[in-house]
N, C-alpha and C. Protein backbone atom coordinates (compact mmCIF):
# COMPACT_ATOMS: atom_id res chain seq x y z
N MET A 1 -22.68 2.25 -16.84
CA MET A 1 -21.94 1.35 -15.97
C MET A 1 -20.96 2.33 -15.35
N ASN A 2 -20.53 1.92 -13.96
CA ASN A 2 -19.37 2.48 -13.43
C ASN A 2 -18.25 1.44 -13.30
N LEU A 3 -17.23 1.99 -12.71
CA LEU A 3 -16.09 0.97 -12.73
C LEU A 3 -16.23 -0.14 -11.60
N ALA A 4 -16.85 0.13 -10.58
CA ALA A 4 -17.05 -0.99 -9.67
C ALA A 4 -18.06 -2.04 -10.13
N GLU A 5 -19.05 -1.81 -10.97
CA GLU A 5 -19.90 -2.86 -11.69
C GLU A 5 -18.71 -3.31 -12.60
N PHE A 6 -18.07 -2.82 -13.15
CA PHE A 6 -17.36 -3.41 -14.29
C PHE A 6 -16.38 -4.32 -13.58
N LEU A 7 -15.72 -4.15 -12.60
CA LEU A 7 -14.86 -4.82 -12.00
C LEU A 7 -15.45 -6.16 -11.32
N THR A 8 -16.53 -6.00 -10.82
CA THR A 8 -17.51 -6.97 -10.39
C THR A 8 -17.67 -8.05 -11.55
N GLU A 9 -18.04 -7.45 -12.80
CA GLU A 9 -18.54 -8.14 -13.77
C GLU A 9 -17.23 -9.22 -14.45
N LEU A 10 -16.11 -8.24 -14.24
CA LEU A 10 -14.78 -8.98 -14.61
C LEU A 10 -14.17 -10.06 -13.72
N LYS A 11 -14.45 -9.69 -12.45
CA LYS A 11 -14.34 -10.77 -11.44
C LYS A 11 -15.14 -12.18 -11.77
N LYS A 12 -16.44 -11.93 -12.15
CA LYS A 12 -17.38 -13.04 -12.42
C LYS A 12 -16.58 -13.89 -13.77
N SER A 13 -16.22 -13.13 -14.49
CA SER A 13 -15.81 -13.69 -15.89
C SER A 13 -14.32 -14.38 -15.92
N ILE A 14 -13.67 -13.71 -14.98
CA ILE A 14 -12.27 -14.17 -14.82
C ILE A 14 -12.08 -14.33 -13.21
N PRO A 15 -12.40 -15.33 -12.64
CA PRO A 15 -12.46 -15.76 -11.36
C PRO A 15 -11.23 -15.24 -10.69
N ASP A 16 -10.11 -15.57 -11.27
CA ASP A 16 -8.73 -15.28 -10.66
C ASP A 16 -8.25 -13.91 -10.97
N ALA A 17 -8.89 -12.94 -11.56
CA ALA A 17 -8.66 -11.66 -11.96
C ALA A 17 -8.15 -11.02 -10.87
N PHE A 18 -8.70 -11.16 -9.51
CA PHE A 18 -8.12 -10.30 -8.25
C PHE A 18 -7.30 -11.08 -7.06
N SER A 19 -6.79 -12.35 -7.59
CA SER A 19 -6.20 -12.90 -6.76
C SER A 19 -4.87 -12.69 -6.38
N LEU A 20 -4.15 -13.11 -5.31
CA LEU A 20 -3.02 -12.61 -5.18
C LEU A 20 -1.80 -12.88 -6.27
N GLY A 21 -1.04 -11.77 -6.29
CA GLY A 21 -0.17 -11.71 -7.55
C GLY A 21 -0.87 -11.26 -8.87
N ASN A 22 -1.99 -11.03 -8.86
CA ASN A 22 -2.76 -10.46 -10.01
C ASN A 22 -3.45 -9.22 -9.61
N GLU A 23 -3.19 -8.70 -8.43
CA GLU A 23 -3.86 -7.44 -7.97
C GLU A 23 -3.92 -6.27 -9.04
N ASN A 24 -2.75 -6.17 -9.69
CA ASN A 24 -2.56 -4.97 -10.52
C ASN A 24 -2.74 -5.02 -11.75
N PHE A 25 -3.78 -5.74 -12.31
CA PHE A 25 -4.12 -6.54 -13.64
C PHE A 25 -3.68 -5.32 -14.67
N LEU A 26 -3.52 -3.99 -14.29
CA LEU A 26 -3.51 -3.18 -15.59
C LEU A 26 -2.07 -2.68 -15.67
N GLN A 27 -1.11 -2.81 -14.60
CA GLN A 27 -0.07 -2.26 -14.43
C GLN A 27 0.85 -2.57 -15.51
N GLY A 28 1.46 -1.86 -16.30
CA GLY A 28 2.62 -2.58 -17.15
C GLY A 28 2.15 -3.46 -18.18
N GLU A 29 0.67 -3.62 -18.39
CA GLU A 29 0.56 -4.68 -19.22
C GLU A 29 -0.30 -4.15 -20.30
N ARG A 30 0.26 -3.35 -21.14
CA ARG A 30 -0.64 -2.63 -22.25
C ARG A 30 -1.11 -3.66 -23.17
N LEU A 31 -0.58 -4.62 -23.67
CA LEU A 31 -0.95 -5.49 -24.43
C LEU A 31 -2.62 -6.04 -23.86
N ARG A 32 -2.22 -6.57 -22.76
CA ARG A 32 -3.46 -7.19 -22.06
C ARG A 32 -4.51 -6.19 -21.77
N VAL A 33 -4.12 -5.09 -21.53
CA VAL A 33 -5.42 -3.86 -21.33
C VAL A 33 -6.18 -3.39 -22.48
N SER A 34 -5.28 -3.51 -23.57
CA SER A 34 -6.02 -2.97 -24.96
C SER A 34 -7.37 -3.37 -25.15
N PHE A 35 -7.89 -4.69 -24.83
CA PHE A 35 -9.25 -4.97 -24.82
C PHE A 35 -9.91 -4.25 -23.93
N VAL A 36 -9.43 -4.06 -22.67
CA VAL A 36 -10.27 -3.16 -21.57
C VAL A 36 -10.21 -1.93 -21.58
N LEU A 37 -9.30 -1.37 -22.45
CA LEU A 37 -9.29 0.24 -22.62
C LEU A 37 -10.44 0.67 -23.28
N ASP A 38 -10.86 0.29 -24.41
CA ASP A 38 -12.00 0.67 -25.04
C ASP A 38 -13.45 0.71 -24.03
N LYS A 39 -13.39 -0.28 -23.05
CA LYS A 39 -14.52 -0.37 -22.25
C LYS A 39 -14.38 0.58 -21.33
N LEU A 40 -13.29 0.80 -20.56
CA LEU A 40 -12.94 1.80 -19.57
C LEU A 40 -13.43 3.16 -20.04
N LYS A 41 -13.21 3.56 -21.21
CA LYS A 41 -13.75 4.93 -22.05
C LYS A 41 -15.06 4.92 -21.86
N THR A 42 -15.85 3.87 -21.83
CA THR A 42 -17.27 3.92 -21.75
C THR A 42 -17.90 4.23 -20.49
N LEU A 43 -17.07 3.86 -19.32
CA LEU A 43 -17.63 3.76 -18.03
C LEU A 43 -17.92 5.34 -17.59
N ASN A 44 -18.81 5.25 -16.77
CA ASN A 44 -19.17 6.85 -15.94
C ASN A 44 -17.94 7.52 -15.77
N GLU A 45 -16.91 6.93 -14.99
CA GLU A 45 -15.94 7.86 -14.12
C GLU A 45 -15.07 8.57 -15.37
N PHE A 46 -14.97 7.51 -16.48
CA PHE A 46 -13.93 8.04 -17.74
C PHE A 46 -14.61 8.51 -18.65
N SER A 47 -15.85 8.82 -18.80
CA SER A 47 -16.67 9.30 -20.02
C SER A 47 -16.29 10.74 -20.31
N GLU A 48 -16.11 11.34 -19.46
CA GLU A 48 -15.81 12.80 -20.00
C GLU A 48 -14.24 13.14 -19.97
N CYS A 49 -13.20 12.29 -20.19
CA CYS A 49 -12.00 12.60 -20.30
C CYS A 49 -11.13 11.74 -21.39
N GLU A 50 -10.15 12.24 -21.89
CA GLU A 50 -9.27 11.72 -22.93
C GLU A 50 -8.48 10.70 -22.18
N LEU A 51 -8.84 9.39 -22.21
CA LEU A 51 -8.11 8.32 -21.54
C LEU A 51 -6.98 7.73 -22.27
N ASP A 52 -5.72 7.56 -21.73
CA ASP A 52 -4.78 6.72 -22.43
C ASP A 52 -4.21 6.22 -21.27
N ILE A 53 -3.37 5.30 -21.51
CA ILE A 53 -2.38 4.18 -20.57
C ILE A 53 -1.06 4.44 -20.54
N ILE A 54 -0.29 4.50 -19.46
CA ILE A 54 1.05 4.79 -19.52
C ILE A 54 1.73 3.33 -18.73
N ASP A 55 2.92 3.21 -19.09
CA ASP A 55 3.70 1.95 -18.50
C ASP A 55 4.55 2.19 -17.29
N THR A 56 4.75 3.37 -16.97
CA THR A 56 5.64 3.67 -15.57
C THR A 56 4.92 4.79 -14.84
N PRO A 57 5.38 4.98 -13.55
CA PRO A 57 4.76 5.71 -12.48
C PRO A 57 5.29 7.12 -12.88
N PHE A 58 6.35 7.26 -14.03
CA PHE A 58 6.48 8.85 -14.53
C PHE A 58 6.09 8.92 -15.57
N HIS A 59 5.58 10.10 -16.23
CA HIS A 59 5.60 10.49 -17.49
C HIS A 59 5.86 11.75 -17.84
N ASP A 60 6.93 12.27 -18.74
CA ASP A 60 7.23 13.36 -18.75
C ASP A 60 7.78 14.03 -17.69
N GLY A 61 8.57 13.35 -16.65
CA GLY A 61 9.06 14.07 -15.40
C GLY A 61 7.82 14.22 -14.28
N VAL A 62 6.71 13.69 -14.63
CA VAL A 62 5.50 13.93 -13.74
C VAL A 62 5.33 12.50 -12.85
N GLN A 63 5.15 12.40 -11.84
CA GLN A 63 4.83 11.26 -11.19
C GLN A 63 3.23 11.20 -11.13
N THR A 64 2.93 9.76 -10.82
CA THR A 64 1.63 9.57 -10.78
C THR A 64 1.08 9.92 -9.73
N GLN A 65 -0.36 9.97 -9.40
CA GLN A 65 -0.85 10.09 -8.20
C GLN A 65 -1.69 9.01 -7.87
N VAL A 66 -2.25 8.73 -6.63
CA VAL A 66 -2.96 7.60 -6.20
C VAL A 66 -4.22 8.07 -5.66
N LEU A 67 -5.37 7.76 -6.16
CA LEU A 67 -6.73 8.51 -5.72
C LEU A 67 -7.61 7.17 -5.47
N LYS A 68 -8.28 7.25 -4.17
CA LYS A 68 -9.10 5.88 -3.95
C LYS A 68 -10.62 6.73 -4.50
N LEU A 69 -10.87 5.99 -5.20
CA LEU A 69 -12.25 6.18 -6.24
C LEU A 69 -13.26 6.31 -5.24
N GLY A 70 -14.08 7.44 -5.62
CA GLY A 70 -15.43 7.72 -4.84
C GLY A 70 -16.52 7.46 -5.57
N LYS A 71 -17.80 7.52 -4.99
CA LYS A 71 -18.92 6.73 -5.59
C LYS A 71 -19.31 7.42 -6.95
N ASN A 72 -19.06 8.89 -6.74
CA ASN A 72 -19.46 9.88 -7.98
C ASN A 72 -18.27 10.44 -8.66
N THR A 73 -17.09 9.74 -8.79
CA THR A 73 -15.65 10.42 -9.31
C THR A 73 -16.04 10.61 -10.67
N LYS A 74 -15.49 11.76 -11.19
CA LYS A 74 -15.54 12.01 -12.69
C LYS A 74 -14.18 12.43 -12.93
N PHE A 75 -13.29 11.87 -13.98
CA PHE A 75 -12.14 12.33 -14.62
C PHE A 75 -12.51 13.04 -15.74
N LYS A 76 -12.02 14.58 -15.78
CA LYS A 76 -12.18 15.34 -17.03
C LYS A 76 -10.96 15.72 -17.62
N GLY A 77 -10.83 16.35 -18.64
CA GLY A 77 -9.41 16.45 -19.44
C GLY A 77 -8.91 15.12 -19.96
N LYS A 78 -7.28 15.42 -19.93
CA LYS A 78 -6.49 14.39 -20.35
C LYS A 78 -6.36 13.41 -18.83
N MET A 79 -6.36 12.33 -19.08
CA MET A 79 -5.88 11.28 -18.11
C MET A 79 -4.95 10.31 -18.58
N LEU A 80 -3.92 10.15 -17.85
CA LEU A 80 -2.92 9.00 -18.05
C LEU A 80 -2.94 7.80 -17.01
N LEU A 81 -3.59 6.92 -17.30
CA LEU A 81 -3.91 5.66 -16.52
C LEU A 81 -2.73 4.87 -16.22
N TYR A 82 -2.29 4.53 -15.02
CA TYR A 82 -1.20 3.81 -14.82
C TYR A 82 -1.42 2.31 -14.22
N SER A 83 -2.36 2.43 -13.24
CA SER A 83 -2.88 1.34 -12.63
C SER A 83 -4.41 1.59 -12.06
N ILE A 84 -5.11 0.29 -12.08
CA ILE A 84 -6.32 0.12 -11.31
C ILE A 84 -5.88 -1.00 -10.17
N THR A 85 -5.98 -0.69 -8.86
CA THR A 85 -5.70 -1.70 -8.03
C THR A 85 -7.00 -1.86 -6.78
N LEU A 86 -7.06 -3.03 -6.37
CA LEU A 86 -8.04 -3.19 -5.24
C LEU A 86 -7.36 -3.02 -3.76
N THR A 87 -7.90 -2.45 -2.84
CA THR A 87 -7.37 -2.50 -1.77
C THR A 87 -7.49 -4.01 -0.75
N PRO A 88 -6.87 -4.24 0.11
CA PRO A 88 -7.22 -5.56 0.54
C PRO A 88 -8.64 -5.32 1.13
N THR A 89 -9.06 -6.57 1.23
CA THR A 89 -10.43 -6.56 1.93
C THR A 89 -10.60 -5.95 3.20
N MET A 90 -11.61 -5.16 3.50
CA MET A 90 -11.61 -4.57 4.71
C MET A 90 -13.05 -4.80 5.32
N TYR A 91 -13.35 -4.99 6.70
CA TYR A 91 -14.28 -5.33 7.53
C TYR A 91 -14.81 -3.90 8.28
N ASN A 92 -16.15 -3.84 8.45
CA ASN A 92 -16.57 -2.94 9.06
C ASN A 92 -16.47 -3.17 10.63
N PRO A 93 -15.64 -2.65 11.55
CA PRO A 93 -15.57 -2.83 12.85
C PRO A 93 -16.69 -3.14 13.85
N GLU A 94 -17.69 -2.53 13.30
CA GLU A 94 -18.92 -2.51 14.13
C GLU A 94 -19.69 -3.91 13.79
N THR A 95 -19.58 -4.52 12.79
CA THR A 95 -20.41 -5.72 12.20
C THR A 95 -19.52 -6.91 12.03
N TYR A 96 -18.18 -6.98 12.00
CA TYR A 96 -17.49 -8.15 11.42
C TYR A 96 -17.53 -9.45 12.61
N ARG A 97 -18.27 -9.07 13.69
CA ARG A 97 -18.18 -9.89 14.85
C ARG A 97 -19.99 -10.43 14.75
N LYS A 98 -20.71 -9.89 14.08
CA LYS A 98 -22.08 -10.13 14.18
C LYS A 98 -22.30 -11.60 13.57
N PRO A 99 -23.33 -12.39 14.07
CA PRO A 99 -23.76 -13.54 13.29
C PRO A 99 -23.90 -13.64 11.98
N VAL A 100 -23.46 -14.34 11.10
CA VAL A 100 -23.74 -14.48 9.69
C VAL A 100 -24.60 -15.70 9.40
N LYS A 101 -24.76 -16.62 10.16
CA LYS A 101 -25.46 -17.89 9.89
C LYS A 101 -25.67 -18.61 11.18
N ASP A 102 -27.00 -19.11 11.49
CA ASP A 102 -27.29 -19.94 12.86
C ASP A 102 -26.64 -19.40 14.13
N GLY A 103 -26.54 -17.97 14.13
CA GLY A 103 -26.20 -17.41 15.12
C GLY A 103 -24.63 -17.28 15.43
N CYS A 104 -23.85 -17.88 14.44
CA CYS A 104 -22.59 -18.10 14.43
C CYS A 104 -21.68 -17.02 13.30
N VAL A 105 -20.44 -16.90 13.81
CA VAL A 105 -19.67 -16.14 12.76
C VAL A 105 -17.99 -16.54 12.80
N LEU A 106 -17.29 -16.67 11.86
CA LEU A 106 -15.87 -17.11 11.91
C LEU A 106 -15.25 -15.88 11.37
N THR A 107 -14.57 -15.20 12.23
CA THR A 107 -14.12 -13.61 12.01
C THR A 107 -13.16 -13.70 10.92
N PRO A 108 -12.54 -12.55 10.22
CA PRO A 108 -11.46 -12.54 9.45
C PRO A 108 -10.29 -12.80 9.99
N THR A 109 -9.21 -13.05 9.61
CA THR A 109 -7.98 -13.17 10.42
C THR A 109 -7.26 -11.94 10.74
N MET A 110 -7.20 -11.90 12.20
CA MET A 110 -6.68 -10.49 12.67
C MET A 110 -5.45 -10.77 13.36
N TYR A 111 -4.73 -9.76 13.80
CA TYR A 111 -3.39 -10.20 14.11
C TYR A 111 -3.22 -9.38 15.57
N ASN A 112 -2.36 -10.09 16.41
CA ASN A 112 -1.98 -9.61 17.85
C ASN A 112 -1.21 -8.40 17.62
N PRO A 113 -1.38 -7.12 18.08
CA PRO A 113 -0.62 -6.17 17.99
C PRO A 113 0.76 -6.11 18.51
N GLU A 114 0.86 -7.00 19.76
CA GLU A 114 2.06 -7.34 20.48
C GLU A 114 3.04 -8.25 19.77
N ASN A 115 2.70 -9.21 19.06
CA ASN A 115 3.56 -10.10 18.41
C ASN A 115 3.26 -10.33 17.02
N PHE A 116 2.05 -9.75 16.25
CA PHE A 116 1.70 -10.06 15.10
C PHE A 116 1.31 -11.46 14.57
N GLU A 117 0.95 -12.35 15.69
CA GLU A 117 0.42 -13.68 15.68
C GLU A 117 -1.12 -13.40 14.91
N PRO A 118 -1.23 -14.27 13.72
CA PRO A 118 -2.55 -14.20 13.30
C PRO A 118 -3.47 -15.26 13.93
N TYR A 119 -4.62 -14.53 14.08
CA TYR A 119 -5.61 -15.57 14.69
C TYR A 119 -7.01 -15.20 14.24
N LYS A 120 -7.95 -16.05 14.33
CA LYS A 120 -9.49 -16.03 13.93
C LYS A 120 -10.31 -16.10 15.33
N GLU A 121 -11.48 -15.66 15.17
CA GLU A 121 -12.43 -16.24 16.27
C GLU A 121 -13.51 -16.75 15.76
N ILE A 122 -14.07 -17.77 16.50
CA ILE A 122 -15.26 -18.50 16.15
C ILE A 122 -16.18 -18.22 17.46
N ILE A 123 -17.29 -17.34 16.80
CA ILE A 123 -18.15 -16.99 17.86
C ILE A 123 -19.57 -17.75 17.49
N ILE A 124 -20.21 -18.58 18.68
CA ILE A 124 -21.27 -19.15 18.61
C ILE A 124 -22.22 -18.82 19.89
N ARG A 125 -23.36 -18.21 19.24
CA ARG A 125 -24.41 -17.53 20.18
C ARG A 125 -25.37 -18.82 20.35
N PHE A 126 -25.84 -18.83 21.71
CA PHE A 126 -26.82 -19.83 21.98
C PHE A 126 -27.54 -19.43 23.36
N ASN A 127 -28.63 -19.98 23.35
CA ASN A 127 -29.52 -19.55 24.41
C ASN A 127 -28.95 -20.47 25.65
N THR A 128 -28.52 -19.65 26.85
CA THR A 128 -28.07 -20.63 27.97
C THR A 128 -29.14 -21.34 28.92
N ASP A 129 -30.30 -21.07 28.66
CA ASP A 129 -31.42 -21.47 29.37
C ASP A 129 -31.78 -22.80 28.82
N LEU A 130 -32.05 -23.83 29.99
CA LEU A 130 -32.19 -25.01 29.29
C LEU A 130 -33.69 -25.20 29.13
N GLU A 131 -33.98 -25.68 28.02
CA GLU A 131 -35.33 -25.92 27.68
C GLU A 131 -35.91 -27.24 28.21
N PRO A 132 -37.24 -27.45 28.58
CA PRO A 132 -37.81 -28.50 29.16
C PRO A 132 -37.29 -30.06 27.97
N GLY A 133 -36.73 -30.95 28.79
CA GLY A 133 -36.30 -32.04 28.36
C GLY A 133 -34.86 -32.04 27.48
N VAL A 134 -34.18 -30.79 27.59
CA VAL A 134 -32.83 -30.54 27.26
C VAL A 134 -31.79 -30.53 28.43
N THR A 135 -30.85 -31.55 28.16
CA THR A 135 -29.92 -31.64 29.68
C THR A 135 -28.82 -30.80 29.07
N GLU A 136 -27.82 -30.75 30.13
CA GLU A 136 -26.56 -29.87 29.95
C GLU A 136 -25.79 -30.53 28.99
N GLU A 137 -25.71 -31.86 29.03
CA GLU A 137 -25.00 -32.75 27.98
C GLU A 137 -25.56 -32.75 26.60
N MET A 138 -26.63 -32.33 26.35
CA MET A 138 -27.16 -32.25 24.99
C MET A 138 -26.87 -30.92 24.63
N LYS A 139 -27.03 -29.82 25.29
CA LYS A 139 -26.32 -28.41 25.04
C LYS A 139 -25.26 -28.50 24.45
N LYS A 140 -24.14 -29.23 25.04
CA LYS A 140 -22.80 -29.47 24.74
C LYS A 140 -22.54 -30.31 23.36
N GLU A 141 -23.54 -31.04 23.05
CA GLU A 141 -23.59 -31.83 21.81
C GLU A 141 -23.98 -30.84 20.86
N GLN A 142 -24.91 -30.14 21.11
CA GLN A 142 -25.29 -29.04 20.03
C GLN A 142 -24.36 -28.16 19.74
N THR A 143 -23.73 -27.66 20.77
CA THR A 143 -22.77 -26.62 20.49
C THR A 143 -21.35 -27.24 19.72
N LYS A 144 -20.87 -28.36 19.97
CA LYS A 144 -20.11 -29.13 19.24
C LYS A 144 -20.41 -29.58 17.84
N ALA A 145 -21.53 -29.55 17.75
CA ALA A 145 -22.23 -30.02 16.31
C ALA A 145 -22.04 -28.63 15.70
N LYS A 146 -22.26 -27.58 16.12
CA LYS A 146 -22.30 -26.09 15.43
C LYS A 146 -20.71 -25.86 15.10
N LEU A 147 -20.03 -26.28 15.94
CA LEU A 147 -18.58 -25.82 15.85
C LEU A 147 -17.98 -26.58 14.76
N GLU A 148 -18.27 -27.93 14.73
CA GLU A 148 -18.15 -28.94 13.51
C GLU A 148 -18.49 -28.04 12.12
N GLU A 149 -19.84 -27.89 12.28
CA GLU A 149 -20.34 -27.34 10.94
C GLU A 149 -19.58 -26.01 10.37
N ILE A 150 -19.26 -25.28 11.33
CA ILE A 150 -18.34 -24.13 10.93
C ILE A 150 -17.13 -24.35 10.43
N LEU A 151 -16.35 -25.40 11.14
CA LEU A 151 -15.33 -25.68 10.79
C LEU A 151 -15.30 -26.52 9.09
N ASN A 152 -16.55 -27.13 9.08
CA ASN A 152 -16.51 -27.95 7.68
C ASN A 152 -16.94 -26.97 6.63
N ASN A 153 -17.59 -25.78 6.91
CA ASN A 153 -17.89 -25.02 6.02
C ASN A 153 -17.65 -23.49 6.10
N PRO A 154 -16.53 -23.24 6.27
CA PRO A 154 -16.04 -21.67 6.94
C PRO A 154 -16.55 -20.68 6.17
N GLU A 155 -16.60 -20.73 4.53
CA GLU A 155 -16.93 -19.99 3.83
C GLU A 155 -18.47 -19.26 4.40
N GLU A 156 -19.38 -20.08 4.88
CA GLU A 156 -20.68 -19.89 4.89
C GLU A 156 -20.62 -19.04 6.09
N TYR A 157 -19.70 -19.10 7.16
CA TYR A 157 -19.77 -18.16 8.27
C TYR A 157 -19.03 -17.02 8.27
N LYS A 158 -18.28 -16.81 7.33
CA LYS A 158 -17.52 -15.49 7.16
C LYS A 158 -18.49 -14.23 6.87
N PRO A 159 -17.95 -13.02 7.38
CA PRO A 159 -18.83 -11.83 7.01
C PRO A 159 -18.28 -11.33 6.00
N LYS A 160 -18.91 -10.77 5.32
CA LYS A 160 -18.76 -10.06 3.81
C LYS A 160 -17.89 -8.97 4.22
N GLY A 161 -16.70 -8.82 3.15
CA GLY A 161 -15.85 -7.39 3.23
C GLY A 161 -15.94 -6.69 2.20
N GLU A 162 -15.39 -5.55 2.05
CA GLU A 162 -15.40 -4.90 1.10
C GLU A 162 -13.92 -4.47 0.65
N ARG A 163 -13.88 -4.25 -0.79
CA ARG A 163 -12.58 -3.51 -1.18
C ARG A 163 -12.81 -2.34 -1.90
N GLY A 164 -11.77 -1.50 -1.56
CA GLY A 164 -11.83 -0.29 -2.22
C GLY A 164 -11.28 -0.24 -3.69
N ILE A 165 -11.35 1.00 -4.43
CA ILE A 165 -10.64 0.99 -5.57
C ILE A 165 -9.70 1.93 -5.69
N LEU A 166 -8.41 1.79 -6.01
CA LEU A 166 -7.45 2.78 -6.20
C LEU A 166 -7.05 2.88 -7.86
N ILE A 167 -7.11 4.08 -8.18
CA ILE A 167 -6.50 4.73 -9.44
C ILE A 167 -5.33 5.43 -9.27
N SER A 168 -4.28 4.83 -10.11
CA SER A 168 -3.00 5.51 -10.01
C SER A 168 -2.78 6.05 -11.50
N GLY A 169 -2.54 7.47 -11.76
CA GLY A 169 -2.49 7.92 -13.08
C GLY A 169 -1.93 9.49 -12.75
N ILE A 170 -2.23 9.94 -13.81
CA ILE A 170 -1.89 11.50 -14.16
C ILE A 170 -3.14 12.25 -14.31
N PHE A 171 -3.69 12.99 -13.74
CA PHE A 171 -5.06 13.50 -13.90
C PHE A 171 -5.24 15.19 -14.23
N SER A 172 -5.88 15.26 -15.10
CA SER A 172 -6.11 16.89 -15.56
C SER A 172 -7.08 17.38 -14.24
N GLU A 173 -8.28 16.90 -14.38
CA GLU A 173 -9.21 17.30 -13.20
C GLU A 173 -9.96 15.93 -12.62
N VAL A 174 -10.34 16.23 -11.36
CA VAL A 174 -11.06 14.98 -10.66
C VAL A 174 -12.23 15.63 -10.14
N VAL A 175 -13.48 15.17 -10.32
CA VAL A 175 -14.52 15.58 -9.38
C VAL A 175 -14.90 14.65 -8.56
N SER A 176 -15.30 14.63 -7.40
CA SER A 176 -15.75 13.62 -6.45
C SER A 176 -16.31 14.03 -5.30
N ASP A 177 -17.36 13.24 -4.66
CA ASP A 177 -18.03 13.71 -3.50
C ASP A 177 -17.42 13.17 -2.14
N LYS A 178 -16.31 12.44 -2.45
CA LYS A 178 -15.48 11.92 -1.22
C LYS A 178 -16.13 10.99 -0.47
N THR A 179 -17.22 10.22 -1.01
CA THR A 179 -17.65 9.00 -0.57
C THR A 179 -16.83 7.79 -1.30
N SER A 180 -16.45 6.61 -0.55
CA SER A 180 -15.70 5.41 -1.09
C SER A 180 -16.71 4.66 -1.94
N GLU A 181 -16.08 4.47 -2.98
CA GLU A 181 -16.76 3.30 -3.94
C GLU A 181 -16.01 1.97 -3.59
N THR A 182 -16.66 0.81 -3.25
CA THR A 182 -16.45 -0.39 -2.97
C THR A 182 -17.05 -1.35 -3.64
N ILE A 183 -16.59 -2.77 -3.84
CA ILE A 183 -17.13 -3.75 -4.29
C ILE A 183 -17.13 -4.95 -3.23
N GLN A 184 -18.17 -5.77 -3.65
CA GLN A 184 -18.28 -6.67 -2.35
C GLN A 184 -17.38 -8.02 -3.34
N ILE A 185 -16.69 -8.49 -2.30
CA ILE A 185 -15.90 -9.82 -2.58
C ILE A 185 -16.33 -10.85 -1.48
């Protein structure tokens, strides 16, 4: 099992494990992590290292480093783990506006770069040709019904995002292929 699979399982068993205010569930919580430390040692990424946990970002005058976990990352030698953190949810700029359900999508919150005002977009795709027996008024009613459905069930129309995994610690040796590891949220 790798760290991404473990974090996904953890999210299922503790639904608020990654909620706001609990993003850094390892940092400075040695007692809380004691049950996880043995499991971490068995994961692919940590199986070839001597893993221990530290409580501060400095250890014996050495500052921790932050590394974005890659798909085939392996830690070797001695590793002092300070924290495991998830990045904010990220969306593929090529696909976040593509329809998710029924030709519609509710985009993630975006920010206007001029005034930092948050906004979302609702995109409803439909055939503009009138089918036999369908009036312009009926088309409007269908579009209003779709909009109502999106507003009543927004989670069903949101695109899937991904979160990266950041490891903070002091590493003896890291072997990685530079491809990012993400988990679906």
